[in-house]
Amino acid sequence: LSDAAIAHVLMDSIALRVPAVRGGLPRIAAFAVLFGVLAAVNVRGVRQGTALSVVVTLTKLTPLILLIAVGVPAIRWPELRWTGWPSYSAIGQASLPVFFIFMSAEGALSAGGEIREPARTVPRAMAGAAATLSLLYSSLQIVSLGVLGPALAQQGTTPLAAVANQVLGSSGRDLILACTAIAVFGSIAADMVNTPRAFFAVANDGLLPAPLRAVHKRFRTPYVAIIVYATLLFVFTISGDFRPLAVLATISQLLIYLTVCLAVIRMRRRREPAFRVPGGPVVPLLGAAAVLWFLSNSTASEALAVAPALGIAAFYYWLRSRQ
């Protein structure tokens, strides 16, 4: 769901230069090509998929930092005046899309077996990444609001391109559009490496259908899991737009986080060996409370949209447990 949501951001960026992919069959065909190419690259080997992800990651940050540097002198400071607190409902409505951009840091744990001192390295990396993202997003928001003012709210999914056009001209706009496309492509490419292998691992545990355990005879990759993931991604992408997909992805992830918070409390009570979390039950209880607050800001229709997936998963798990 997350990748399906941001795939629309990628295609919206491309559509500003290639209007044909704004909608209809050309847009669907473009999504099919995108996911098909990524699947093909990853079927050929994890090295190719990882290399693609690393190259894209190294490429995408420079234009954002450049935009901040050249945008600060162009800020109209009166636009940043604080005119009053937003309403509680407005904060709630904004909370789920904002949480969307910070979730899934636990994806780093997928490679935990290959990380040196993971118990020490991963938490520090997560905290450092969260702090870096907070600084980056806050800086971009300040520059964008200072340059565009109220017009910022009218820019859809490409606000940074409008900011770049204002301070750098059309060439800057094109650079940011390329940066956006590269960033989103990189994120999807990284997930195309990680998530199918999660499918493969869970299938090995007997919780997903056995065909997902298949390994390509030549490339030694979980090719069925990769193809299934790419297919699901395509179906989800063409089924909705960015915001509904992002909200549904966030709700789904929040439910997982809630389960983890409750599991921490249970594991402490069972005194699992080598399992230590400072603060006793305080941190997981605060985490659970935060998750419930986020979930309380979803609409009834959004909650109902997640319910069928939960029902299907629970029913499938019940069937597997009886075998």
C-alpha atoms as a PDB file:
ATOM      1  CA  LEU A   1       0.000   0.000   0.000  1.00  0.00           C
ATOM      2  CA  SER A   2       2.831   2.401   0.818  1.00  0.00           C
ATOM      3  CA  ASP A   3       4.592   1.755  -2.461  1.00  0.00           C
ATOM      4  CA  ALA A   4       1.295   1.975  -4.333  1.00  0.00           C
ATOM      5  CA  ALA A   5       0.676   5.401  -2.778  1.00  0.00           C
ATOM      6  CA  ILE A   6       4.071   6.882  -3.616  1.00  0.00           C
ATOM      7  CA  ALA A   7       3.976   5.389  -7.111  1.00  0.00           C
ATOM      8  CA  HIS A   8       1.303   7.992  -7.837  1.00  0.00           C
ATOM      9  CA  VAL A   9       3.705  10.737  -6.711  1.00  0.00           C
ATOM     10  CA  LEU A  10       6.273   9.365  -9.154  1.00  0.00           C
ATOM     11  CA  MET A  11       3.777   9.284 -12.016  1.00  0.00           C
ATOM     12  CA  ASP A  12       2.439  12.775 -11.190  1.00  0.00           C
ATOM     13  CA  SER A  13       6.010  14.103 -11.441  1.00  0.00           C
ATOM     14  CA  ILE A  14       6.497  12.427 -14.803  1.00  0.00           C
ATOM     15  CA  ALA A  15       3.070  13.658 -15.990  1.00  0.00           C
ATOM     16  CA  LEU A  16       4.201  17.271 -15.719  1.00  0.00           C
ATOM     17  CA  ARG A  17       6.597  16.510 -18.577  1.00  0.00           C
ATOM     18  CA  VAL A  18       4.690  13.649 -20.219  1.00  0.00           C
ATOM     19  CA  PRO A  19       0.992  14.633 -19.971  1.00  0.00           C
ATOM     20  CA  ALA A  20      -0.131  11.347 -21.509  1.00  0.00           C
ATOM     21  CA  VAL A  21       0.430   9.483 -18.210  1.00  0.00           C
ATOM     22  CA  ARG A  22      -1.910  11.721 -16.207  1.00  0.00           C
ATOM     23  CA  GLY A  23      -4.651   9.113 -16.356  1.00  0.00           C
ATOM     24  CA  GLY A  24      -6.404   6.369 -18.255  1.00  0.00           C
ATOM     25  CA  LEU A  25      -4.759   3.459 -20.007  1.00  0.00           C
ATOM     26  CA  PRO A  26      -1.385   5.221 -20.601  1.00  0.00           C
ATOM     27  CA  ARG A  27      -0.978   5.698 -16.832  1.00  0.00           C
ATOM     28  CA  ILE A  28      -1.893   2.069 -16.147  1.00  0.00           C
ATOM     29  CA  ALA A  29       0.565   0.941 -18.827  1.00  0.00           C
ATOM     30  CA  ALA A  30       3.299   3.113 -17.290  1.00  0.00           C
ATOM     31  CA  PHE A  31       2.733   1.489 -13.898  1.00  0.00           C
ATOM     32  CA  ALA A  32       2.891  -1.949 -15.511  1.00  0.00           C
ATOM     33  CA  VAL A  33       6.248  -1.102 -17.128  1.00  0.00           C
ATOM     34  CA  LEU A  34       7.621   0.370 -13.876  1.00  0.00           C
ATOM     35  CA  PHE A  35       6.806  -2.648 -11.715  1.00  0.00           C
ATOM     36  CA  GLY A  36       7.672  -5.118 -14.456  1.00  0.00           C
ATOM     37  CA  VAL A  37      11.171  -3.677 -14.874  1.00  0.00           C
ATOM     38  CA  LEU A  38      11.796  -3.623 -11.112  1.00  0.00           C
ATOM     39  CA  ALA A  39      10.610  -7.216 -10.790  1.00  0.00           C
ATOM     40  CA  ALA A  40      12.862  -8.321 -13.654  1.00  0.00           C
ATOM     41  CA  VAL A  41      15.902  -6.623 -12.108  1.00  0.00           C
ATOM     42  CA  ASN A  42      15.296  -8.290  -8.745  1.00  0.00           C
ATOM     43  CA  VAL A  43      14.610 -11.722 -10.189  1.00  0.00           C
ATOM     44  CA  ARG A  44      18.091 -11.587 -11.714  1.00  0.00           C
ATOM     45  CA  GLY A  45      19.719 -11.183  -8.290  1.00  0.00           C
ATOM     46  CA  VAL A  46      19.860  -9.341  -4.977  1.00  0.00           C
ATOM     47  CA  ARG A  47      23.121  -7.649  -5.981  1.00  0.00           C
ATOM     48  CA  GLN A  48      21.495  -5.945  -8.946  1.00  0.00           C
ATOM     49  CA  GLY A  49      18.478  -4.870  -6.896  1.00  0.00           C
ATOM     50  CA  THR A  50      20.591  -3.548  -4.022  1.00  0.00           C
ATOM     51  CA  ALA A  51      22.984  -1.704  -6.354  1.00  0.00           C
ATOM     52  CA  LEU A  52      20.056   0.026  -8.040  1.00  0.00           C
ATOM     53  CA  SER A  53      18.657   1.087  -4.654  1.00  0.00           C
ATOM     54  CA  VAL A  54      22.011   2.446  -3.421  1.00  0.00           C
ATOM     55  CA  VAL A  55      22.669   4.486  -6.583  1.00  0.00           C
ATOM     56  CA  VAL A  56      19.225   6.061  -6.416  1.00  0.00           C
ATOM     57  CA  THR A  57      19.593   6.883  -2.710  1.00  0.00           C
ATOM     58  CA  LEU A  58      22.919   8.645  -3.253  1.00  0.00           C
ATOM     59  CA  THR A  59      21.435  10.680  -6.115  1.00  0.00           C
ATOM     60  CA  LYS A  60      18.227  12.001  -4.615  1.00  0.00           C
ATOM     61  CA  LEU A  61      19.292  14.159  -1.629  1.00  0.00           C
ATOM     62  CA  THR A  62      21.520  16.745  -3.331  1.00  0.00           C
ATOM     63  CA  PRO A  63      18.722  18.693  -5.115  1.00  0.00           C
ATOM     64  CA  LEU A  64      16.705  18.897  -1.867  1.00  0.00           C
ATOM     65  CA  ILE A  65      19.641  20.363   0.039  1.00  0.00           C
ATOM     66  CA  LEU A  66      20.268  22.772  -2.885  1.00  0.00           C
ATOM     67  CA  LEU A  67      16.619  23.870  -2.791  1.00  0.00           C
ATOM     68  CA  ILE A  68      16.873  24.662   0.922  1.00  0.00           C
ATOM     69  CA  ALA A  69      20.114  26.617   0.412  1.00  0.00           C
ATOM     70  CA  VAL A  70      18.794  28.804  -2.424  1.00  0.00           C
ATOM     71  CA  GLY A  71      15.272  28.993  -1.006  1.00  0.00           C
ATOM     72  CA  VAL A  72      16.140  30.563   2.362  1.00  0.00           C
ATOM     73  CA  PRO A  73      17.115  33.966   0.841  1.00  0.00           C
ATOM     74  CA  ALA A  74      13.829  33.952  -1.133  1.00  0.00           C
ATOM     75  CA  ILE A  75      11.608  33.433   1.919  1.00  0.00           C
ATOM     76  CA  ARG A  76       8.987  36.118   2.504  1.00  0.00           C
ATOM     77  CA  TRP A  77       9.153  36.062   6.280  1.00  0.00           C
ATOM     78  CA  PRO A  78       5.676  37.554   6.898  1.00  0.00           C
ATOM     79  CA  GLU A  79       4.269  34.346   5.350  1.00  0.00           C
ATOM     80  CA  LEU A  80       5.673  32.411   8.328  1.00  0.00           C
ATOM     81  CA  ARG A  81       3.760  34.356  10.954  1.00  0.00           C
ATOM     82  CA  TRP A  82       1.978  32.195  13.498  1.00  0.00           C
ATOM     83  CA  THR A  83      -1.669  33.205  13.299  1.00  0.00           C
ATOM     84  CA  GLY A  84      -3.123  30.705  15.766  1.00  0.00           C
ATOM     85  CA  TRP A  85      -3.381  27.062  16.701  1.00  0.00           C
ATOM     86  CA  PRO A  86      -5.069  24.730  14.244  1.00  0.00           C
ATOM     87  CA  SER A  87      -8.174  22.937  15.453  1.00  0.00           C
ATOM     88  CA  TYR A  88      -7.906  19.514  17.079  1.00  0.00           C
ATOM     89  CA  SER A  89      -9.711  17.947  14.130  1.00  0.00           C
ATOM     90  CA  ALA A  90      -7.307  19.596  11.653  1.00  0.00           C
ATOM     91  CA  ILE A  91      -4.313  18.186  13.545  1.00  0.00           C
ATOM     92  CA  GLY A  92      -5.951  14.778  13.545  1.00  0.00           C
ATOM     93  CA  GLN A  93      -6.671  14.865   9.808  1.00  0.00           C
ATOM     94  CA  ALA A  94      -3.044  15.762   9.098  1.00  0.00           C
ATOM     95  CA  SER A  95      -1.578  13.204  11.514  1.00  0.00           C
ATOM     96  CA  LEU A  96      -2.016  10.068   9.401  1.00  0.00           C
ATOM     97  CA  PRO A  97      -0.363  11.442   6.204  1.00  0.00           C
ATOM     98  CA  VAL A  98       2.449  12.905   8.323  1.00  0.00           C
ATOM     99  CA  PHE A  99       3.012   9.617  10.129  1.00  0.00           C
ATOM    100  CA  PHE A 100       3.145   7.929   6.717  1.00  0.00           C
ATOM    101  CA  ILE A 101       6.491   9.533   5.896  1.00  0.00           C
ATOM    102  CA  PHE A 102       8.126   8.346   9.141  1.00  0.00           C
ATOM    103  CA  MET A 103       6.929   4.751   9.309  1.00  0.00           C
ATOM    104  CA  SER A 104       8.652   1.514   8.256  1.00  0.00           C
ATOM    105  CA  ALA A 105      12.073   2.347   9.692  1.00  0.00           C
ATOM    106  CA  GLU A 106      12.007  -1.193  11.073  1.00  0.00           C
ATOM    107  CA  GLY A 107      12.735  -2.339   7.523  1.00  0.00           C
ATOM    108  CA  ALA A 108      16.402  -2.004   8.535  1.00  0.00           C
ATOM    109  CA  LEU A 109      15.902  -5.097  10.691  1.00  0.00           C
ATOM    110  CA  SER A 110      15.387  -7.229   7.563  1.00  0.00           C
ATOM    111  CA  ALA A 111      19.165  -7.322   7.226  1.00  0.00           C
ATOM    112  CA  GLY A 112      19.763  -7.606  10.982  1.00  0.00           C
ATOM    113  CA  GLY A 113      21.640 -10.891  10.610  1.00  0.00           C
ATOM    114  CA  GLU A 114      24.253  -9.140   8.458  1.00  0.00           C
ATOM    115  CA  ILE A 115      24.687  -6.008  10.636  1.00  0.00           C
ATOM    116  CA  ARG A 116      27.523  -5.697  13.108  1.00  0.00           C
ATOM    117  CA  GLU A 117      26.222  -5.290  16.683  1.00  0.00           C
ATOM    118  CA  PRO A 118      22.600  -4.875  15.524  1.00  0.00           C
ATOM    119  CA  ALA A 119      21.237  -4.335  19.067  1.00  0.00           C
ATOM    120  CA  ARG A 120      23.441  -1.228  19.309  1.00  0.00           C
ATOM    121  CA  THR A 121      23.642  -0.118  15.670  1.00  0.00           C
ATOM    122  CA  VAL A 122      20.004  -0.336  14.564  1.00  0.00           C
ATOM    123  CA  PRO A 123      18.420   1.789  17.351  1.00  0.00           C
ATOM    124  CA  ARG A 124      21.055   4.495  16.855  1.00  0.00           C
ATOM    125  CA  ALA A 125      20.540   4.412  13.094  1.00  0.00           C
ATOM    126  CA  MET A 126      16.763   4.686  13.519  1.00  0.00           C
ATOM    127  CA  ALA A 127      17.087   7.650  15.899  1.00  0.00           C
ATOM    128  CA  GLY A 128      19.589   9.342  13.581  1.00  0.00           C
ATOM    129  CA  ALA A 129      17.387   8.783  10.539  1.00  0.00           C
ATOM    130  CA  ALA A 130      14.312  10.162  12.332  1.00  0.00           C
ATOM    131  CA  ALA A 131      16.230  13.268  13.448  1.00  0.00           C
ATOM    132  CA  THR A 132      17.638  13.814   9.943  1.00  0.00           C
ATOM    133  CA  LEU A 133      14.219  13.433   8.322  1.00  0.00           C
ATOM    134  CA  SER A 134      12.624  15.805  10.837  1.00  0.00           C
ATOM    135  CA  LEU A 135      15.241  18.468  10.082  1.00  0.00           C
ATOM    136  CA  LEU A 136      14.993  17.940   6.315  1.00  0.00           C
ATOM    137  CA  TYR A 137      11.186  18.001   6.178  1.00  0.00           C
ATOM    138  CA  SER A 138      10.904  20.982   8.532  1.00  0.00           C
ATOM    139  CA  SER A 139      13.416  22.948   6.468  1.00  0.00           C
ATOM    140  CA  LEU A 140      11.619  22.139   3.221  1.00  0.00           C
ATOM    141  CA  GLN A 141       8.263  23.088   4.760  1.00  0.00           C
ATOM    142  CA  ILE A 142       9.582  26.430   6.020  1.00  0.00           C
ATOM    143  CA  VAL A 143      11.135  27.261   2.646  1.00  0.00           C
ATOM    144  CA  SER A 144       8.037  26.159   0.729  1.00  0.00           C
ATOM    145  CA  LEU A 145       5.615  28.148   2.891  1.00  0.00           C
ATOM    146  CA  GLY A 146       7.917  31.168   2.961  1.00  0.00           C
ATOM    147  CA  VAL A 147       8.251  31.216  -0.835  1.00  0.00           C
ATOM    148  CA  LEU A 148       4.726  30.269  -1.928  1.00  0.00           C
ATOM    149  CA  GLY A 149       2.588  31.416   0.993  1.00  0.00           C
ATOM    150  CA  PRO A 150      -1.065  30.300   0.813  1.00  0.00           C
ATOM    151  CA  ALA A 151      -0.504  29.041  -2.750  1.00  0.00           C
ATOM    152  CA  LEU A 152       1.432  26.096  -1.278  1.00  0.00           C
ATOM    153  CA  ALA A 153      -1.844  24.339  -0.473  1.00  0.00           C
ATOM    154  CA  GLN A 154      -2.805  24.369  -4.169  1.00  0.00           C
ATOM    155  CA  GLN A 155       0.225  22.460  -5.483  1.00  0.00           C
ATOM    156  CA  GLY A 156      -1.069  18.885  -5.179  1.00  0.00           C
ATOM    157  CA  THR A 157       1.666  16.242  -4.991  1.00  0.00           C
ATOM    158  CA  THR A 158       4.411  18.409  -6.568  1.00  0.00           C
ATOM    159  CA  PRO A 159       4.829  21.425  -4.235  1.00  0.00           C
ATOM    160  CA  LEU A 160       8.630  21.413  -4.288  1.00  0.00           C
ATOM    161  CA  ALA A 161       8.612  21.763  -8.073  1.00  0.00           C
ATOM    162  CA  ALA A 162       6.577  24.951  -7.695  1.00  0.00           C
ATOM    163  CA  VAL A 163       9.058  26.276  -5.106  1.00  0.00           C
ATOM    164  CA  ALA A 164      12.007  25.463  -7.377  1.00  0.00           C
ATOM    165  CA  ASN A 165      10.294  27.166 -10.307  1.00  0.00           C
ATOM    166  CA  GLN A 166       9.910  30.294  -8.175  1.00  0.00           C
ATOM    167  CA  VAL A 167      13.519  30.489  -6.960  1.00  0.00           C
ATOM    168  CA  LEU A 168      15.478  28.707  -9.695  1.00  0.00           C
ATOM    169  CA  GLY A 169      13.314  29.009 -12.792  1.00  0.00           C
ATOM    170  CA  SER A 170      12.193  26.218 -15.106  1.00  0.00           C
ATOM    171  CA  SER A 171      15.547  24.410 -14.899  1.00  0.00           C
ATOM    172  CA  GLY A 172      15.245  24.187 -11.127  1.00  0.00           C
ATOM    173  CA  ARG A 173      11.684  22.947 -11.488  1.00  0.00           C
ATOM    174  CA  ASP A 174      12.833  20.194 -13.833  1.00  0.00           C
ATOM    175  CA  LEU A 175      15.644  19.273 -11.437  1.00  0.00           C
ATOM    176  CA  ILE A 176      13.242  18.883  -8.498  1.00  0.00           C
ATOM    177  CA  LEU A 177      10.790  16.885 -10.592  1.00  0.00           C
ATOM    178  CA  ALA A 178      13.632  14.562 -11.540  1.00  0.00           C
ATOM    179  CA  CYS A 179      14.676  14.398  -7.872  1.00  0.00           C
ATOM    180  CA  THR A 180      11.144  13.504  -6.805  1.00  0.00           C
ATOM    181  CA  ALA A 181      10.891  10.792  -9.418  1.00  0.00           C
ATOM    182  CA  ILE A 182      14.303   9.390  -8.467  1.00  0.00           C
ATOM    183  CA  ALA A 183      13.515   9.456  -4.738  1.00  0.00           C
ATOM    184  CA  VAL A 184      10.216   7.621  -5.136  1.00  0.00           C
ATOM    185  CA  PHE A 185      11.704   5.181  -7.604  1.00  0.00           C
ATOM    186  CA  GLY A 186      14.503   4.483  -5.131  1.00  0.00           C
ATOM    187  CA  SER A 187      12.082   3.820  -2.306  1.00  0.00           C
ATOM    188  CA  ILE A 188      10.053   1.381  -4.391  1.00  0.00           C
ATOM    189  CA  ALA A 189      13.243  -0.262  -5.661  1.00  0.00           C
ATOM    190  CA  ALA A 190      14.452  -0.790  -2.071  1.00  0.00           C
ATOM    191  CA  ASP A 191      11.147  -2.344  -1.069  1.00  0.00           C
ATOM    192  CA  MET A 192      11.275  -4.578  -4.123  1.00  0.00           C
ATOM    193  CA  VAL A 193      14.478  -6.023  -2.623  1.00  0.00           C
ATOM    194  CA  ASN A 194      13.196  -6.380   0.962  1.00  0.00           C
ATOM    195  CA  THR A 195       9.486  -7.176   0.945  1.00  0.00           C
ATOM    196  CA  PRO A 196       9.432 -10.221  -1.373  1.00  0.00           C
ATOM    197  CA  ARG A 197      12.085 -11.776   0.829  1.00  0.00           C
ATOM    198  CA  ALA A 198       9.787 -11.212   3.805  1.00  0.00           C
ATOM    199  CA  PHE A 199       7.090 -13.069   1.839  1.00  0.00           C
ATOM    200  CA  PHE A 200       9.628 -15.841   1.221  1.00  0.00           C
ATOM    201  CA  ALA A 201      10.610 -16.060   4.901  1.00  0.00           C
ATOM    202  CA  VAL A 202       7.014 -16.138   6.139  1.00  0.00           C
ATOM    203  CA  ALA A 203       6.157 -18.795   3.540  1.00  0.00           C
ATOM    204  CA  ASN A 204       9.058 -20.856   4.877  1.00  0.00           C
ATOM    205  CA  ASP A 205       7.406 -20.618   8.309  1.00  0.00           C
ATOM    206  CA  GLY A 206       4.223 -22.038   6.810  1.00  0.00           C
ATOM    207  CA  LEU A 207       2.150 -18.850   7.195  1.00  0.00           C
ATOM    208  CA  LEU A 208       1.899 -18.040   3.479  1.00  0.00           C
ATOM    209  CA  PRO A 209       1.280 -20.369   0.510  1.00  0.00           C
ATOM    210  CA  ALA A 210       4.124 -22.778  -0.273  1.00  0.00           C
ATOM    211  CA  PRO A 211       4.738 -21.554  -3.875  1.00  0.00           C
ATOM    212  CA  LEU A 212       6.187 -18.333  -2.413  1.00  0.00           C
ATOM    213  CA  ARG A 213       9.134 -20.438  -1.188  1.00  0.00           C
ATOM    214  CA  ALA A 214      10.227 -21.169  -4.758  1.00  0.00           C
ATOM    215  CA  VAL A 215      13.804 -20.214  -5.667  1.00  0.00           C
ATOM    216  CA  HIS A 216      14.947 -19.568  -9.244  1.00  0.00           C
ATOM    217  CA  LYS A 217      17.263 -22.363 -10.391  1.00  0.00           C
ATOM    218  CA  ARG A 218      19.675 -20.014 -12.155  1.00  0.00           C
ATOM    219  CA  PHE A 219      19.546 -16.736 -10.217  1.00  0.00           C
ATOM    220  CA  ARG A 220      18.821 -18.253  -6.760  1.00  0.00           C
ATOM    221  CA  THR A 221      16.236 -15.549  -5.991  1.00  0.00           C
ATOM    222  CA  PRO A 222      12.688 -15.952  -4.593  1.00  0.00           C
ATOM    223  CA  TYR A 223      11.259 -15.185  -8.016  1.00  0.00           C
ATOM    224  CA  VAL A 224       7.664 -16.197  -7.282  1.00  0.00           C
ATOM    225  CA  ALA A 225       7.549 -13.902  -4.235  1.00  0.00           C
ATOM    226  CA  ILE A 226       9.024 -11.059  -6.321  1.00  0.00           C
ATOM    227  CA  ILE A 227       6.499 -11.531  -9.124  1.00  0.00           C
ATOM    228  CA  VAL A 228       3.581 -11.816  -6.683  1.00  0.00           C
ATOM    229  CA  TYR A 229       4.688  -8.658  -4.862  1.00  0.00           C
ATOM    230  CA  ALA A 230       5.032  -6.700  -8.114  1.00  0.00           C
ATOM    231  CA  THR A 231       1.582  -7.901  -9.211  1.00  0.00           C
ATOM    232  CA  LEU A 232      -0.047  -6.908  -5.907  1.00  0.00           C
ATOM    233  CA  LEU A 233       1.698  -3.552  -6.111  1.00  0.00           C
ATOM    234  CA  PHE A 234       0.316  -2.951  -9.599  1.00  0.00           C
ATOM    235  CA  VAL A 235      -3.234  -3.903  -8.549  1.00  0.00           C
ATOM    236  CA  PHE A 236      -3.185  -1.648  -5.480  1.00  0.00           C
ATOM    237  CA  THR A 237      -1.705   1.254  -7.440  1.00  0.00           C
ATOM    238  CA  ILE A 238      -4.376   1.329 -10.125  1.00  0.00           C
ATOM    239  CA  SER A 239      -7.124   0.919  -7.490  1.00  0.00           C
ATOM    240  CA  GLY A 240      -6.771   4.368  -5.878  1.00  0.00           C
ATOM    241  CA  ASP A 241      -4.943   7.688  -5.543  1.00  0.00           C
ATOM    242  CA  PHE A 242      -2.144   8.812  -3.226  1.00  0.00           C
ATOM    243  CA  ARG A 243      -4.008   9.983  -0.127  1.00  0.00           C
ATOM    244  CA  PRO A 244      -6.425   7.043   0.342  1.00  0.00           C
ATOM    245  CA  LEU A 245      -3.643   4.541  -0.307  1.00  0.00           C
ATOM    246  CA  ALA A 246      -1.283   6.373   2.077  1.00  0.00           C
ATOM    247  CA  VAL A 247      -3.916   6.485   4.820  1.00  0.00           C
ATOM    248  CA  LEU A 248      -4.747   2.791   4.410  1.00  0.00           C
ATOM    249  CA  ALA A 249      -1.041   1.921   4.506  1.00  0.00           C
ATOM    250  CA  THR A 250      -0.623   4.000   7.669  1.00  0.00           C
ATOM    251  CA  ILE A 251      -3.592   2.378   9.419  1.00  0.00           C
ATOM    252  CA  SER A 252      -2.287  -1.080   8.522  1.00  0.00           C
ATOM    253  CA  GLN A 253       1.182  -0.255   9.823  1.00  0.00           C
ATOM    254  CA  LEU A 254      -0.218   1.284  13.009  1.00  0.00           C
ATOM    255  CA  LEU A 255      -2.073  -1.951  13.756  1.00  0.00           C
ATOM    256  CA  ILE A 256       1.233  -3.806  13.477  1.00  0.00           C
ATOM    257  CA  TYR A 257       2.907  -1.299  15.806  1.00  0.00           C
ATOM    258  CA  LEU A 258       0.074  -1.704  18.313  1.00  0.00           C
ATOM    259  CA  THR A 259       0.587  -5.468  18.280  1.00  0.00           C
ATOM    260  CA  VAL A 260       4.320  -4.999  18.833  1.00  0.00           C
ATOM    261  CA  CYS A 261       3.741  -2.653  21.791  1.00  0.00           C
ATOM    262  CA  LEU A 262       1.443  -5.192  23.448  1.00  0.00           C
ATOM    263  CA  ALA A 263       3.875  -8.010  22.649  1.00  0.00           C
ATOM    264  CA  VAL A 264       6.674  -6.137  24.457  1.00  0.00           C
ATOM    265  CA  ILE A 265       4.582  -6.090  27.640  1.00  0.00           C
ATOM    266  CA  ARG A 266       3.863  -9.796  27.347  1.00  0.00           C
ATOM    267  CA  MET A 267       7.499 -10.677  26.649  1.00  0.00           C
ATOM    268  CA  ARG A 268       8.611  -8.747  29.736  1.00  0.00           C
ATOM    269  CA  ARG A 269       6.049 -10.579  31.877  1.00  0.00           C
ATOM    270  CA  ARG A 270       7.274 -13.916  30.540  1.00  0.00           C
ATOM    271  CA  ARG A 271      10.857 -12.796  31.279  1.00  0.00           C
ATOM    272  CA  GLU A 272      12.141 -13.775  27.867  1.00  0.00           C
ATOM    273  CA  PRO A 273      15.904 -14.359  28.103  1.00  0.00           C
ATOM    274  CA  ALA A 274      18.069 -11.628  26.556  1.00  0.00           C
ATOM    275  CA  PHE A 275      15.016  -9.384  26.058  1.00  0.00           C
ATOM    276  CA  ARG A 276      15.517  -6.056  27.856  1.00  0.00           C
ATOM    277  CA  VAL A 277      13.770  -2.754  27.167  1.00  0.00           C
ATOM    278  CA  PRO A 278      14.493   0.167  29.552  1.00  0.00           C
ATOM    279  CA  GLY A 279      11.574   1.841  31.311  1.00  0.00           C
ATOM    280  CA  GLY A 280       9.478  -1.218  32.030  1.00  0.00           C
ATOM    281  CA  PRO A 281       5.961  -1.072  30.558  1.00  0.00           C
ATOM    282  CA  VAL A 282       6.006   2.752  30.283  1.00  0.00           C
ATOM    283  CA  VAL A 283       7.382   2.943  26.734  1.00  0.00           C
ATOM    284  CA  PRO A 284       5.139   0.268  25.175  1.00  0.00           C
ATOM    285  CA  LEU A 285       2.080   1.708  26.953  1.00  0.00           C
ATOM    286  CA  LEU A 286       2.889   5.205  25.666  1.00  0.00           C
ATOM    287  CA  GLY A 287       3.455   3.728  22.225  1.00  0.00           C
ATOM    288  CA  ALA A 288       0.106   1.926  22.332  1.00  0.00           C
ATOM    289  CA  ALA A 289      -1.634   5.133  23.447  1.00  0.00           C
ATOM    290  CA  ALA A 290      -0.025   7.076  20.588  1.00  0.00           C
ATOM    291  CA  VAL A 291      -1.082   4.422  18.076  1.00  0.00           C
ATOM    292  CA  LEU A 292      -4.669   4.493  19.357  1.00  0.00           C
ATOM    293  CA  TRP A 293      -4.708   8.300  19.040  1.00  0.00           C
ATOM    294  CA  PHE A 294      -3.523   8.087  15.436  1.00  0.00           C
ATOM    295  CA  LEU A 295      -6.124   5.423  14.663  1.00  0.00           C
ATOM    296  CA  SER A 296      -8.863   7.527  16.260  1.00  0.00           C
ATOM    297  CA  ASN A 297      -8.294  10.133  13.543  1.00  0.00           C
ATOM    298  CA  SER A 298      -9.196   7.764  10.725  1.00  0.00           C
ATOM    299  CA  THR A 299     -12.653   7.985   9.222  1.00  0.00           C
ATOM    300  CA  ALA A 300     -15.214   5.198   9.371  1.00  0.00           C
ATOM    301  CA  SER A 301     -14.784   4.536   5.637  1.00  0.00           C
ATOM    302  CA  GLU A 302     -10.997   4.246   6.035  1.00  0.00           C
ATOM    303  CA  ALA A 303     -11.362   1.811   8.930  1.00  0.00           C
ATOM    304  CA  LEU A 304     -13.908  -0.243   6.970  1.00  0.00           C
ATOM    305  CA  ALA A 305     -11.504  -0.380   4.012  1.00  0.00           C
ATOM    306  CA  VAL A 306      -8.882  -2.087   6.201  1.00  0.00           C
ATOM    307  CA  ALA A 307     -11.372  -4.485   7.819  1.00  0.00           C
ATOM    308  CA  PRO A 308     -11.688  -6.909   4.832  1.00  0.00           C
ATOM    309  CA  ALA A 309      -7.914  -7.382   4.678  1.00  0.00           C
ATOM    310  CA  LEU A 310      -7.809  -8.087   8.421  1.00  0.00           C
ATOM    311  CA  GLY A 311     -10.692 -10.535   8.075  1.00  0.00           C
ATOM    312  CA  ILE A 312      -9.080 -12.395   5.176  1.00  0.00           C
ATOM    313  CA  ALA A 313      -5.742 -12.586   7.002  1.00  0.00           C
ATOM    314  CA  ALA A 314      -7.347 -13.849  10.213  1.00  0.00           C
ATOM    315  CA  PHE A 315      -9.380 -16.456   8.336  1.00  0.00           C
ATOM    316  CA  TYR A 316      -6.327 -17.644   6.390  1.00  0.00           C
ATOM    317  CA  TYR A 317      -4.294 -17.902   9.607  1.00  0.00           C
ATOM    318  CA  TRP A 318      -7.109 -19.907  11.238  1.00  0.00           C
ATOM    319  CA  LEU A 319      -7.154 -22.323   8.308  1.00  0.00           C
ATOM    320  CA  ARG A 320      -3.363 -22.772   8.411  1.00  0.00           C
ATOM    321  CA  SER A 321      -3.398 -23.350  12.178  1.00  0.00           C
ATOM    322  CA  ARG A 322      -5.854 -26.216  11.766  1.00  0.00           C
ATOM    323  CA  GLN A 323      -3.630 -28.102   9.341  1.00  0.00           C
END
